[in-house]
Amino acid sequence: MNSGPDRTGDTPALVAQRVSKAFGDTVAVREASFEVERGEIVALLGPSGCGKSTTLRVLAGFEQPDDGVVQINGEIAVGPGVWKPPERRRIGMVPQDFALFPHLSVAENIGFGLTDGHRAWWTRPVRRLRRAQAPARVHEMLELVGLHDFAERYPHELSGGEAQRVALARALAPEPAAVLLDEPFSNLDQNLRASLRLAMRNILKAANTAAVFVTHDREEALSLADRVAVMRDGRIEQIGPPDDIYYRPETRFIGTFVGDANILPGERTRGGAQTELGFVVLADLPSESTGQTVDVLLRPEQLALKPCRDDGPGCANVISSEYYGHDQVVRVRLRSGVEVEARLRTEVVWHPDDPVDVIVLDDAIAFPR
């Protein structure tokens, strides 16, 4: 199994350069640029209407951009005077509803895009083929997605997770340069999503295929992707590894969108910022002069609590605590009235009205106010 993207070659599997697309007066995508290496998984993450699905459709060839270039394995698919239709792009697509053919078996669905001469293999006179007669590539895909015993079943006999894996196997069967997935978990039960995310990541890594998937779910993006591109109003605001996106967001929007965030007013000083919680070291120190008013972003897990000794005016007070067994989220009101959340282990259980001191554990990020 491949553990990461293949960066041995000079040519990325998929390149988008300054891609733009408008529908009438509405600009859906604004100069989007990114690359995807073979074996790499990139998430397009953003709120509804940010342009992520339109970007995916442009890559697939379902929408023609107003401007920009799309390259697949070094060849231009979209550009000045160039337009390749979807069937000539070597792109695999997994739609939200999986779009399996109800009258075809699992093996026949997977083999739908494979050809035997000039005909799809399943259109031979005896269409109801047994596993022994299916092409080797179909067998290979069944093994890859862990459905080798499901070849003769039909879509209505599958669970949501099994149908998803069949759709992924069908997209991978023709050995595409890249696979595009549109909200791949949106039709699945919430309880299945975590395990299926891991299964999908393992399948894509084993196939060593470039993949781009669209989601508005930050957990899906951070847990599945090698890099995350956060979109807002048609633009890619930041692209990078999940930990960079989470702990080193470049804009306040990204900081609050990709995870729970506490925002505290502060004033820049040498090496950090002075806040109600005391001096906080800044991970990426802004270039502006000291004395600037800033908003300091701290994740709940970057805060700790300890009992306040005298229950005096310097103490904060616990408002509420949500206990999850493995951890707890404690909401605290500071002296100024500002409320913050701390995500803590459960050795100590906190209760409403407990007086506490709030301690900052790690470096923070600040944005000019």
Protein backbone atom coordinates (compact mmCIF):
# COMPACT_ATOMS: atom_id res chain seq x y z
CA MET A 1 0.00 0.00 0.00
CA ASN A 2 1.27 3.45 -0.84
CA SER A 3 1.60 5.77 2.14
CA GLY A 4 1.86 9.08 0.28
CA PRO A 5 1.84 10.91 -3.02
CA ASP A 6 4.26 9.99 -5.77
CA ARG A 7 6.55 13.00 -6.20
CA THR A 8 9.21 11.20 -8.18
CA GLY A 9 8.09 12.69 -11.48
CA ASP A 10 8.03 16.33 -12.53
CA THR A 11 4.47 16.32 -13.85
CA PRO A 12 1.52 16.43 -11.43
CA ALA A 13 -1.44 14.23 -12.27
CA LEU A 14 -3.84 17.19 -12.20
CA VAL A 15 -3.25 20.94 -12.47
CA ALA A 16 -5.73 23.81 -12.31
CA GLN A 17 -4.37 27.25 -13.21
CA ARG A 18 -6.42 30.40 -12.57
CA VAL A 19 -9.71 28.65 -13.33
CA SER A 20 -12.76 30.93 -13.29
CA LYS A 21 -16.42 30.21 -13.92
CA ALA A 22 -19.48 32.49 -13.77
CA PHE A 23 -23.18 31.82 -14.21
CA GLY A 24 -24.61 35.08 -15.48
CA ASP A 25 -23.66 37.78 -12.98
CA THR A 26 -22.73 35.23 -10.30
CA VAL A 27 -19.04 34.31 -10.18
CA ALA A 28 -18.84 30.75 -8.84
CA VAL A 29 -15.07 30.18 -9.12
CA ARG A 30 -12.43 32.94 -9.06
CA GLU A 31 -8.95 32.13 -10.38
CA ALA A 32 -8.63 28.79 -8.56
CA SER A 33 -5.14 27.27 -8.81
CA PHE A 34 -3.81 24.03 -7.32
CA GLU A 35 -1.96 20.83 -8.23
CA VAL A 36 -2.51 17.20 -7.26
CA GLU A 37 0.28 14.63 -7.39
CA ARG A 38 -0.22 10.97 -8.23
CA GLY A 39 -1.21 9.21 -5.02
CA GLU A 40 -2.24 12.45 -3.31
CA ILE A 41 -5.69 13.23 -1.87
CA VAL A 42 -6.80 16.87 -1.90
CA ALA A 43 -10.01 18.11 -0.27
CA LEU A 44 -11.95 21.14 -1.48
CA LEU A 45 -13.51 22.36 1.76
CA GLY A 46 -15.92 25.23 2.20
CA PRO A 47 -19.47 26.30 3.02
CA SER A 48 -22.37 25.80 0.63
CA GLY A 49 -22.13 28.06 -2.40
CA CYS A 50 -18.37 28.64 -2.15
CA GLY A 51 -17.65 27.14 -5.60
CA LYS A 52 -16.14 23.79 -4.65
CA SER A 53 -18.61 21.63 -6.61
CA THR A 54 -18.35 23.91 -9.65
CA THR A 55 -14.56 23.53 -9.50
CA LEU A 56 -14.96 19.75 -9.48
CA ARG A 57 -17.34 19.89 -12.46
CA VAL A 58 -14.86 22.02 -14.41
CA LEU A 59 -12.12 19.45 -13.76
CA ALA A 60 -14.43 16.64 -14.87
CA GLY A 61 -15.48 18.47 -18.03
CA PHE A 62 -19.14 18.89 -17.05
CA GLU A 63 -18.72 22.68 -17.05
CA GLN A 64 -16.60 24.78 -19.39
CA PRO A 65 -14.68 27.52 -17.54
CA ASP A 66 -14.64 31.13 -18.66
CA ASP A 67 -10.90 31.31 -18.13
CA GLY A 68 -7.97 29.23 -16.98
CA VAL A 69 -6.17 25.99 -17.81
CA VAL A 70 -6.67 22.39 -16.68
CA GLN A 71 -3.88 19.88 -17.29
CA ILE A 72 -4.14 16.12 -16.82
CA ASN A 73 -0.87 14.18 -16.77
CA GLY A 74 0.83 17.13 -18.43
CA GLU A 75 -1.67 17.40 -21.29
CA ILE A 76 -3.98 20.39 -21.59
CA ALA A 77 -7.63 19.40 -21.24
CA VAL A 78 -8.92 22.97 -21.03
CA GLY A 79 -7.17 26.10 -22.23
CA PRO A 80 -7.11 28.69 -24.98
CA GLY A 81 -8.56 26.91 -28.01
CA VAL A 82 -8.57 23.52 -26.26
CA TRP A 83 -11.57 21.64 -24.89
CA LYS A 84 -11.55 17.91 -24.21
CA PRO A 85 -14.93 16.35 -23.40
CA PRO A 86 -15.26 14.32 -20.18
CA GLU A 87 -14.81 10.94 -21.88
CA ARG A 88 -11.38 11.95 -23.19
CA ARG A 89 -9.95 13.24 -19.92
CA ARG A 90 -9.02 10.03 -18.08
CA ILE A 91 -10.99 11.24 -15.08
CA GLY A 92 -12.99 8.95 -12.80
CA MET A 93 -16.08 10.40 -11.12
CA VAL A 94 -17.92 9.29 -7.97
CA PRO A 95 -21.17 11.29 -7.68
CA GLN A 96 -23.06 11.93 -4.44
CA ASP A 97 -25.72 9.30 -5.13
CA PHE A 98 -23.13 6.78 -6.50
CA ALA A 99 -25.28 6.38 -9.68
CA LEU A 100 -25.02 2.59 -9.84
CA PHE A 101 -26.98 0.88 -12.61
CA PRO A 102 -29.78 -1.04 -10.83
CA HIS A 103 -30.09 -3.67 -13.57
CA LEU A 104 -26.37 -4.56 -13.52
CA SER A 105 -24.56 -6.68 -10.95
CA VAL A 106 -21.66 -5.35 -8.89
CA ALA A 107 -19.13 -6.86 -11.32
CA GLU A 108 -21.00 -5.45 -14.31
CA ASN A 109 -21.17 -2.01 -12.71
CA ILE A 110 -17.43 -2.01 -12.04
CA GLY A 111 -16.69 -3.18 -15.58
CA PHE A 112 -19.03 -0.69 -17.23
CA GLY A 113 -16.21 1.59 -18.38
CA LEU A 114 -13.90 -1.22 -19.50
CA THR A 115 -13.84 -2.13 -23.15
CA ASP A 116 -13.44 -5.36 -25.09
CA GLY A 117 -12.50 -4.22 -28.57
CA HIS A 118 -15.04 -1.47 -29.24
CA ARG A 119 -17.77 -2.79 -26.92
CA ALA A 120 -18.19 -2.74 -23.19
CA TRP A 121 -17.50 -6.23 -21.87
CA TRP A 122 -20.95 -6.55 -20.28
CA THR A 123 -22.72 -6.12 -23.65
CA ARG A 124 -21.65 -9.53 -24.90
CA PRO A 125 -24.54 -11.80 -25.85
CA VAL A 126 -24.58 -13.45 -22.43
CA ARG A 127 -24.68 -10.32 -20.28
CA ARG A 128 -25.16 -12.13 -16.96
CA LEU A 129 -21.51 -13.04 -16.52
CA ARG A 130 -20.16 -15.06 -13.65
CA ARG A 131 -17.08 -13.98 -11.72
CA ALA A 132 -14.83 -16.44 -13.57
CA GLN A 133 -15.75 -14.77 -16.88
CA ALA A 134 -15.24 -11.17 -15.74
CA PRO A 135 -12.09 -9.39 -16.84
CA ALA A 136 -9.08 -9.54 -14.55
CA ARG A 137 -9.37 -5.82 -13.89
CA VAL A 138 -12.83 -6.30 -12.39
CA HIS A 139 -11.47 -9.00 -10.09
CA GLU A 140 -8.63 -6.68 -9.14
CA MET A 141 -11.05 -3.88 -8.25
CA LEU A 142 -13.29 -6.22 -6.26
CA GLU A 143 -10.27 -7.25 -4.20
CA LEU A 144 -9.11 -3.64 -3.80
CA VAL A 145 -12.41 -2.49 -2.30
CA GLY A 146 -12.95 -5.67 -0.26
CA LEU A 147 -16.02 -6.89 -2.16
CA HIS A 148 -14.71 -10.03 -3.83
CA ASP A 149 -17.74 -12.01 -2.57
CA PHE A 150 -20.23 -9.41 -3.87
CA ALA A 151 -19.61 -9.70 -7.62
CA GLU A 152 -23.03 -11.14 -8.47
CA ARG A 153 -25.10 -8.99 -6.14
CA TYR A 154 -27.23 -6.10 -7.35
CA PRO A 155 -27.24 -2.51 -6.02
CA HIS A 156 -30.46 -2.99 -4.06
CA GLU A 157 -28.74 -5.77 -2.10
CA LEU A 158 -25.92 -3.48 -0.91
CA SER A 159 -25.55 -1.25 2.13
CA GLY A 160 -24.68 2.42 1.63
CA GLY A 161 -21.02 1.79 2.38
CA GLU A 162 -20.85 -1.15 -0.01
CA ALA A 163 -22.51 0.90 -2.78
CA GLN A 164 -19.97 3.65 -2.20
CA ARG A 165 -17.09 1.19 -2.62
CA VAL A 166 -18.61 -0.18 -5.83
CA ALA A 167 -18.86 3.36 -7.23
CA LEU A 168 -15.24 3.99 -6.27
CA ALA A 169 -14.12 0.70 -7.85
CA ARG A 170 -15.98 1.60 -11.07
CA ALA A 171 -14.22 4.98 -11.17
CA LEU A 172 -10.80 3.37 -10.59
CA ALA A 173 -11.23 0.44 -12.99
CA PRO A 174 -10.16 2.28 -16.20
CA GLU A 175 -6.97 3.44 -14.42
CA PRO A 176 -7.76 7.16 -14.55
CA ALA A 177 -5.22 9.90 -14.03
CA ALA A 178 -7.39 11.28 -11.24
CA VAL A 179 -10.58 10.46 -9.36
CA LEU A 180 -13.09 13.16 -8.39
CA LEU A 181 -15.52 12.58 -5.52
CA ASP A 182 -18.49 14.88 -4.89
CA GLU A 183 -19.53 14.85 -1.20
CA PRO A 184 -18.70 11.12 -1.01
CA PHE A 185 -20.19 10.60 2.48
CA SER A 186 -23.28 12.80 2.30
CA ASN A 187 -25.68 9.89 1.70
CA LEU A 188 -24.26 7.67 4.41
CA ASP A 189 -25.32 7.17 8.00
CA GLN A 190 -23.38 9.34 10.43
CA ASN A 191 -22.24 6.32 12.44
CA LEU A 192 -20.58 4.75 9.37
CA ARG A 193 -18.67 7.77 8.17
CA ALA A 194 -15.56 7.50 10.35
CA SER A 195 -14.79 3.88 9.42
CA LEU A 196 -15.61 4.47 5.76
CA ARG A 197 -13.31 7.49 5.60
CA LEU A 198 -10.40 5.28 6.62
CA ALA A 199 -11.45 2.58 4.15
CA MET A 200 -11.69 5.08 1.30
CA ARG A 201 -8.31 6.60 2.13
CA ASN A 202 -6.70 3.15 2.16
CA ILE A 203 -8.30 2.25 -1.19
CA LEU A 204 -7.16 5.48 -2.86
CA LYS A 205 -3.64 5.10 -1.48
CA ALA A 206 -3.45 1.49 -2.64
CA ALA A 207 -4.58 2.57 -6.12
CA ASN A 208 -1.92 5.35 -6.14
CA THR A 209 -4.33 7.62 -7.98
CA ALA A 210 -4.63 11.38 -7.59
CA ALA A 211 -7.93 12.23 -5.92
CA VAL A 212 -9.93 15.41 -5.32
CA PHE A 213 -13.01 15.35 -3.14
CA VAL A 214 -15.53 18.02 -2.22
CA THR A 215 -16.93 18.39 1.28
CA HIS A 216 -18.32 20.93 3.70
CA ASP A 217 -17.46 18.67 6.65
CA ARG A 218 -14.21 19.74 8.29
CA GLU A 219 -13.66 16.36 9.97
CA GLU A 220 -13.86 14.59 6.60
CA ALA A 221 -11.39 17.01 5.04
CA LEU A 222 -8.88 16.96 7.90
CA SER A 223 -8.95 13.18 8.40
CA LEU A 224 -9.00 12.01 4.77
CA ALA A 225 -6.93 14.51 2.78
CA ASP A 226 -3.17 14.94 2.44
CA ARG A 227 -3.84 18.62 1.70
CA VAL A 228 -6.91 20.77 2.20
CA ALA A 229 -7.93 23.71 -0.01
CA VAL A 230 -10.33 26.00 1.86
CA MET A 231 -12.67 27.90 -0.46
CA ARG A 232 -14.73 31.02 0.19
CA ASP A 233 -16.70 33.07 -2.33
CA GLY A 234 -15.17 31.14 -5.22
CA ARG A 235 -11.56 31.64 -4.13
CA ILE A 236 -9.08 29.27 -2.57
CA GLU A 237 -8.03 31.14 0.57
CA GLN A 238 -5.44 28.61 1.74
CA ILE A 239 -4.15 25.21 0.71
CA GLY A 240 -1.88 23.03 2.81
CA PRO A 241 -1.57 19.99 5.08
CA PRO A 242 -4.43 19.52 7.56
CA ASP A 243 -2.33 20.54 10.59
CA ASP A 244 -1.31 23.79 8.87
CA ILE A 245 -4.92 24.58 8.02
CA TYR A 246 -6.03 23.83 11.58
CA TYR A 247 -3.23 25.38 13.67
CA ARG A 248 -1.85 27.98 11.25
CA PRO A 249 -4.87 29.41 9.40
CA GLU A 250 -4.04 32.40 7.23
CA THR A 251 -7.37 34.17 7.72
CA ARG A 252 -9.85 34.50 10.57
CA PHE A 253 -12.52 32.84 8.38
CA ILE A 254 -10.38 29.72 7.95
CA GLY A 255 -9.55 29.65 11.66
CA THR A 256 -13.20 29.64 12.70
CA PHE A 257 -14.47 27.44 9.83
CA VAL A 258 -12.12 24.47 10.14
CA GLY A 259 -12.48 24.01 13.89
CA ASP A 260 -13.86 25.28 17.19
CA ALA A 261 -12.10 28.51 18.09
CA ASN A 262 -11.86 30.92 20.99
CA ILE A 263 -11.28 34.52 19.88
CA LEU A 264 -9.78 36.89 22.46
CA PRO A 265 -8.96 40.58 21.98
CA GLY A 266 -5.31 41.40 22.57
CA GLU A 267 -2.51 43.86 21.98
CA ARG A 268 0.67 42.92 20.20
CA THR A 269 3.82 43.07 22.22
CA ARG A 270 7.35 41.91 21.50
CA GLY A 271 7.15 38.16 20.77
CA GLY A 272 3.43 37.76 21.27
CA ALA A 273 0.25 39.42 22.49
CA GLN A 274 -1.15 40.53 25.82
CA THR A 275 -4.65 39.16 26.47
CA GLU A 276 -7.05 38.72 29.36
CA LEU A 277 -5.40 35.32 29.91
CA GLY A 278 -1.98 36.96 30.13
CA PHE A 279 0.90 36.98 27.67
CA VAL A 280 0.41 34.60 24.72
CA VAL A 281 3.22 33.59 22.37
CA LEU A 282 2.24 33.95 18.69
CA ALA A 283 3.26 31.14 16.35
CA ASP A 284 3.31 33.36 13.25
CA LEU A 285 4.18 36.82 14.47
CA PRO A 286 2.51 39.54 12.38
CA SER A 287 4.80 42.06 10.76
CA GLU A 288 2.95 45.11 12.08
CA SER A 289 4.43 47.18 14.90
CA THR A 290 3.80 46.45 18.56
CA GLY A 291 0.74 48.02 20.09
CA GLN A 292 -1.59 46.85 17.33
CA THR A 293 -4.96 45.52 18.43
CA VAL A 294 -5.40 41.90 17.36
CA ASP A 295 -7.77 38.96 17.67
CA VAL A 296 -6.02 35.96 19.19
CA LEU A 297 -7.28 32.52 18.14
CA LEU A 298 -6.95 29.61 20.55
CA ARG A 299 -8.33 26.10 19.99
CA PRO A 300 -10.23 24.55 22.94
CA GLU A 301 -7.52 21.91 23.35
CA GLN A 302 -4.94 24.70 23.78
CA LEU A 303 -6.52 25.69 27.10
CA ALA A 304 -6.27 24.04 30.51
CA LEU A 305 -8.11 24.69 33.78
CA LYS A 306 -7.01 24.56 37.38
CA PRO A 307 -8.94 25.43 40.55
CA CYS A 308 -8.81 29.09 41.47
CA ARG A 309 -7.44 29.38 45.01
CA ASP A 310 -9.45 32.16 46.57
CA ASP A 311 -12.65 32.35 44.48
CA GLY A 312 -12.00 36.08 44.25
CA PRO A 313 -12.59 38.59 41.45
CA GLY A 314 -9.62 37.23 39.50
CA CYS A 315 -11.24 33.85 38.97
CA ALA A 316 -13.21 32.70 35.95
CA ASN A 317 -16.32 30.59 36.43
CA VAL A 318 -17.44 27.35 34.80
CA ILE A 319 -20.75 27.80 32.97
CA SER A 320 -21.29 24.26 31.72
CA SER A 321 -19.53 20.96 31.08
CA GLU A 322 -20.29 18.34 28.44
CA TYR A 323 -18.88 14.95 29.39
CA TYR A 324 -18.08 12.49 26.56
CA GLY A 325 -16.13 9.82 28.45
CA HIS A 326 -12.90 10.20 26.49
CA ASP A 327 -12.92 13.97 27.02
CA GLN A 328 -15.08 16.88 28.12
CA VAL A 329 -15.81 20.36 26.79
CA VAL A 330 -15.99 22.96 29.54
CA ARG A 331 -17.39 26.43 28.90
CA VAL A 332 -15.97 29.20 31.07
CA ARG A 333 -16.91 32.87 31.55
CA LEU A 334 -13.89 35.12 32.02
CA ARG A 335 -13.85 38.20 34.23
CA SER A 336 -14.68 40.46 31.27
CA GLY A 337 -17.73 38.39 30.39
CA VAL A 338 -16.03 36.76 27.38
CA GLU A 339 -16.80 33.04 27.17
CA VAL A 340 -14.26 30.40 26.10
CA GLU A 341 -14.31 26.63 25.69
CA ALA A 342 -11.64 24.18 26.88
CA ARG A 343 -11.44 20.58 25.67
CA LEU A 344 -9.99 18.52 28.50
CA ARG A 345 -9.32 15.00 29.67
CA THR A 346 -11.68 13.60 32.27
CA GLU A 347 -9.50 12.97 35.33
CA VAL A 348 -11.16 16.03 36.86
CA VAL A 349 -14.84 16.64 36.15
CA TRP A 350 -15.84 20.30 36.26
CA HIS A 351 -19.24 21.59 37.34
CA PRO A 352 -21.15 24.86 36.84
CA ASP A 353 -19.96 27.73 39.10
CA ASP A 354 -16.58 26.11 39.84
CA PRO A 355 -13.98 28.94 40.15
CA VAL A 356 -11.06 28.28 37.80
CA ASP A 357 -7.90 29.75 36.34
CA VAL A 358 -7.58 29.39 32.55
CA ILE A 359 -4.10 28.52 31.29
CA VAL A 360 -2.83 28.80 27.71
CA LEU A 361 -0.78 25.73 26.76
CA ASP A 362 0.47 26.46 23.22
CA ASP A 363 1.39 29.20 20.82
CA ALA A 364 -1.55 31.04 19.28
CA ILE A 365 -2.43 32.73 16.00
CA ALA A 366 -3.43 36.39 15.80
CA PHE A 367 -5.25 38.42 13.16
CA PRO A 368 -5.41 42.21 12.92
CA ARG A 369 -8.76 43.46 14.18
